[in-house]
Amino acid sequence: MTELAPLAGGVEWDRVAEWNDTWALAVVFGLASVPWTYGFVAGEVPLWPAFIASATYYAAGEGVPALVRGYAANAVGIGYAAATLALVGAVDGGLLALSLAVGAFMFLASLHDFLPLLSFTPGGFFGYATLFSVDAAGATAFGVPGLAGATVAALASMFVGALIGLGTDRLSGRLA
């Protein structure tokens, strides 16, 4: 319980009352989200993967290394999910085949810590889950139908989201 004691405190009013990195990020991210949302929705590109990728960027660190590690992990997770859905669909496998495939790919994703490029392991899980949601929503991109279109949509949306993460990080850092 003592580990949680610092989290139980109230609002840090001294930080709220001054301009700082939190305020700078809030302003930049809030303003960037307006055209970002408008462009994605108007362009019929799924929006939520971009926000997931942006969050992946922030969780993976900062700067270009976070962009590369975060997006690489997202992209491999998307690839694993595409392979899962294609495999299960090809064998008309049902729930047991789906469960076995998910288990196998989650096993692989959990080993990413051994590969520096993919070492932000949660990013692989985020990418995996994202493709499942894009496919379930029937979203595609650039006129590519089916699972291939869902995969392209997830990859493209997450790539732009990762770039937005880097851009908002850099701009808010300058304003702080």
Protein backbone atom coordinates (compact mmCIF):
# COMPACT_ATOMS: atom_id res chain seq x y z
CA MET A 1 0.00 0.00 0.00
CA THR A 2 2.90 2.37 0.67
CA GLU A 3 3.85 2.21 -3.03
CA LEU A 4 0.52 3.82 -3.88
CA ALA A 5 0.68 6.51 -1.21
CA PRO A 6 2.22 9.17 -3.52
CA LEU A 7 -0.59 8.58 -6.01
CA ALA A 8 -3.28 9.23 -3.43
CA GLY A 9 -2.46 12.93 -3.15
CA GLY A 10 -4.57 15.72 -4.52
CA VAL A 11 -4.11 17.99 -7.50
CA GLU A 12 -0.64 19.52 -7.81
CA TRP A 13 -1.98 23.08 -7.82
CA ASP A 14 1.47 24.65 -8.01
CA ARG A 15 2.02 22.88 -11.37
CA VAL A 16 -1.49 23.69 -12.61
CA ALA A 17 -0.95 27.39 -11.96
CA GLU A 18 2.16 27.71 -14.16
CA TRP A 19 2.97 27.13 -17.81
CA ASN A 20 4.83 23.82 -18.12
CA ASP A 21 5.28 20.77 -20.34
CA THR A 22 1.86 19.36 -19.39
CA TRP A 23 0.05 22.53 -20.45
CA ALA A 24 2.11 22.76 -23.64
CA LEU A 25 1.30 19.18 -24.61
CA ALA A 26 -2.39 19.64 -23.76
CA VAL A 27 -2.64 22.71 -26.01
CA VAL A 28 -0.66 21.19 -28.89
CA PHE A 29 -2.36 17.79 -28.77
CA GLY A 30 -5.81 19.34 -28.40
CA LEU A 31 -5.29 21.64 -31.37
CA ALA A 32 -3.67 18.92 -33.50
CA SER A 33 -6.61 16.59 -32.82
CA VAL A 34 -9.04 18.87 -34.67
CA PRO A 35 -7.63 18.64 -38.22
CA TRP A 36 -6.38 15.12 -37.49
CA THR A 37 -9.91 13.92 -36.71
CA TYR A 38 -11.48 15.89 -39.53
CA GLY A 39 -9.00 14.61 -42.12
CA PHE A 40 -9.27 10.98 -41.13
CA VAL A 41 -13.06 10.93 -40.89
CA ALA A 42 -13.51 12.91 -44.14
CA GLY A 43 -11.00 10.64 -45.86
CA GLU A 44 -12.75 7.53 -44.53
CA VAL A 45 -9.58 6.28 -42.86
CA PRO A 46 -10.08 4.72 -39.42
CA LEU A 47 -9.13 7.29 -36.80
CA TRP A 48 -8.69 5.20 -33.64
CA PRO A 49 -5.52 3.40 -34.83
CA ALA A 50 -3.80 6.77 -35.22
CA PHE A 51 -4.60 7.71 -31.63
CA ILE A 52 -3.37 4.31 -30.43
CA ALA A 53 -0.11 4.78 -32.34
CA SER A 54 0.34 8.27 -30.97
CA ALA A 55 -0.10 6.91 -27.46
CA THR A 56 2.35 4.12 -28.34
CA TYR A 57 4.90 6.77 -29.33
CA TYR A 58 4.57 8.54 -25.97
CA ALA A 59 4.75 5.28 -24.02
CA ALA A 60 7.84 4.11 -25.95
CA GLY A 61 9.95 7.11 -24.97
CA GLU A 62 10.69 10.20 -26.98
CA GLY A 63 12.21 11.30 -30.25
CA VAL A 64 12.97 9.25 -33.32
CA PRO A 65 13.92 6.12 -31.32
CA ALA A 66 10.42 6.04 -29.79
CA LEU A 67 8.86 6.60 -33.20
CA VAL A 68 10.84 3.73 -34.74
CA ARG A 69 10.46 1.26 -31.86
CA GLY A 70 6.80 2.07 -31.28
CA TYR A 71 5.73 1.92 -34.92
CA ALA A 72 7.84 -1.15 -35.69
CA ALA A 73 6.15 -2.98 -32.82
CA ASN A 74 2.71 -1.76 -33.95
CA ALA A 75 3.39 -2.87 -37.53
CA VAL A 76 4.59 -6.34 -36.53
CA GLY A 77 1.52 -6.72 -34.30
CA ILE A 78 -0.66 -5.80 -37.28
CA GLY A 79 1.18 -8.40 -39.34
CA TYR A 80 0.62 -11.05 -36.69
CA ALA A 81 -3.09 -10.22 -36.57
CA ALA A 82 -3.36 -10.33 -40.37
CA ALA A 83 -1.67 -13.73 -40.35
CA THR A 84 -4.02 -14.92 -37.60
CA LEU A 85 -7.14 -13.83 -39.46
CA ALA A 86 -5.91 -15.16 -42.81
CA LEU A 87 -4.88 -18.52 -41.34
CA VAL A 88 -8.07 -19.04 -39.40
CA GLY A 89 -10.13 -17.97 -42.40
CA ALA A 90 -8.23 -20.24 -44.79
CA VAL A 91 -8.81 -23.35 -42.70
CA ASP A 92 -12.32 -22.31 -41.68
CA GLY A 93 -11.04 -23.01 -38.20
CA GLY A 94 -13.53 -21.53 -35.80
CA LEU A 95 -12.96 -20.63 -32.19
CA LEU A 96 -10.38 -23.30 -31.36
CA ALA A 97 -8.18 -22.40 -34.36
CA LEU A 98 -8.54 -18.71 -33.53
CA SER A 99 -7.58 -19.31 -29.91
CA LEU A 100 -4.52 -21.38 -30.87
CA ALA A 101 -3.37 -18.80 -33.42
CA VAL A 102 -3.82 -15.93 -30.97
CA GLY A 103 -1.84 -17.86 -28.36
CA ALA A 104 1.00 -18.58 -30.80
CA PHE A 105 1.28 -14.98 -31.97
CA MET A 106 1.04 -13.58 -28.45
CA PHE A 107 3.87 -15.93 -27.51
CA LEU A 108 5.95 -14.46 -30.35
CA ALA A 109 5.00 -10.89 -29.45
CA SER A 110 6.08 -11.51 -25.87
CA LEU A 111 9.58 -12.37 -27.10
CA HIS A 112 10.05 -8.98 -28.78
CA ASP A 113 12.10 -7.77 -25.84
CA PHE A 114 14.98 -9.81 -27.31
CA LEU A 115 14.95 -7.64 -30.48
CA PRO A 116 15.94 -4.00 -29.91
CA LEU A 117 13.83 -2.72 -32.83
CA LEU A 118 10.70 -4.41 -31.46
CA SER A 119 11.55 -4.10 -27.79
CA PHE A 120 8.58 -1.92 -26.92
CA THR A 121 6.56 -5.09 -26.41
CA PRO A 122 3.17 -3.44 -25.67
CA GLY A 123 3.28 -1.89 -29.13
CA GLY A 124 2.97 -5.34 -30.68
CA PHE A 125 -0.13 -6.04 -28.62
CA PHE A 126 -1.58 -2.64 -29.55
CA GLY A 127 -1.04 -3.33 -33.26
CA TYR A 128 -2.52 -6.81 -32.95
CA ALA A 129 -5.68 -5.61 -31.24
CA THR A 130 -5.96 -2.63 -33.58
CA LEU A 131 -6.12 -4.77 -36.71
CA PHE A 132 -8.76 -6.99 -35.15
CA SER A 133 -10.87 -3.88 -34.48
CA VAL A 134 -10.28 -2.37 -37.94
CA ASP A 135 -11.23 -5.66 -39.58
CA ALA A 136 -14.30 -6.10 -37.35
CA ALA A 137 -15.41 -2.57 -38.26
CA GLY A 138 -15.08 -3.39 -41.96
CA ALA A 139 -12.73 -0.43 -42.45
CA THR A 140 -10.35 -0.43 -45.39
CA ALA A 141 -8.20 2.15 -47.16
CA PHE A 142 -7.15 3.22 -50.64
CA GLY A 143 -9.75 1.02 -52.32
CA VAL A 144 -8.11 -2.22 -51.16
CA PRO A 145 -10.88 -4.62 -50.09
CA GLY A 146 -11.08 -7.25 -47.37
CA LEU A 147 -8.37 -8.21 -44.92
CA ALA A 148 -5.67 -6.67 -47.12
CA GLY A 149 -7.55 -3.35 -47.05
CA ALA A 150 -8.03 -3.53 -43.29
CA THR A 151 -4.31 -4.25 -42.90
CA VAL A 152 -3.36 -1.30 -45.13
CA ALA A 153 -5.79 0.93 -43.23
CA ALA A 154 -4.33 -0.06 -39.86
CA LEU A 155 -0.73 0.32 -41.05
CA ALA A 156 -1.34 3.72 -42.66
CA SER A 157 -3.41 5.10 -39.81
CA MET A 158 -0.91 3.96 -37.19
CA PHE A 159 1.99 5.37 -39.19
CA VAL A 160 0.39 8.79 -39.39
CA GLY A 161 -0.52 8.60 -35.70
CA ALA A 162 3.07 7.77 -34.77
CA LEU A 163 4.27 10.77 -36.80
CA ILE A 164 1.69 12.97 -35.07
CA GLY A 165 3.01 11.72 -31.74
CA LEU A 166 6.54 12.77 -32.68
CA GLY A 167 5.34 16.11 -34.05
CA THR A 168 3.23 17.00 -31.03
CA ASP A 169 6.06 15.96 -28.72
CA ARG A 170 8.58 18.17 -30.48
CA LEU A 171 6.26 21.17 -30.80
CA SER A 172 5.09 20.99 -27.20
CA GLY A 173 8.72 20.67 -26.08
CA ARG A 174 9.51 23.94 -27.83
CA LEU A 175 6.54 25.68 -26.24
CA ALA A 176 7.17 24.45 -22.69
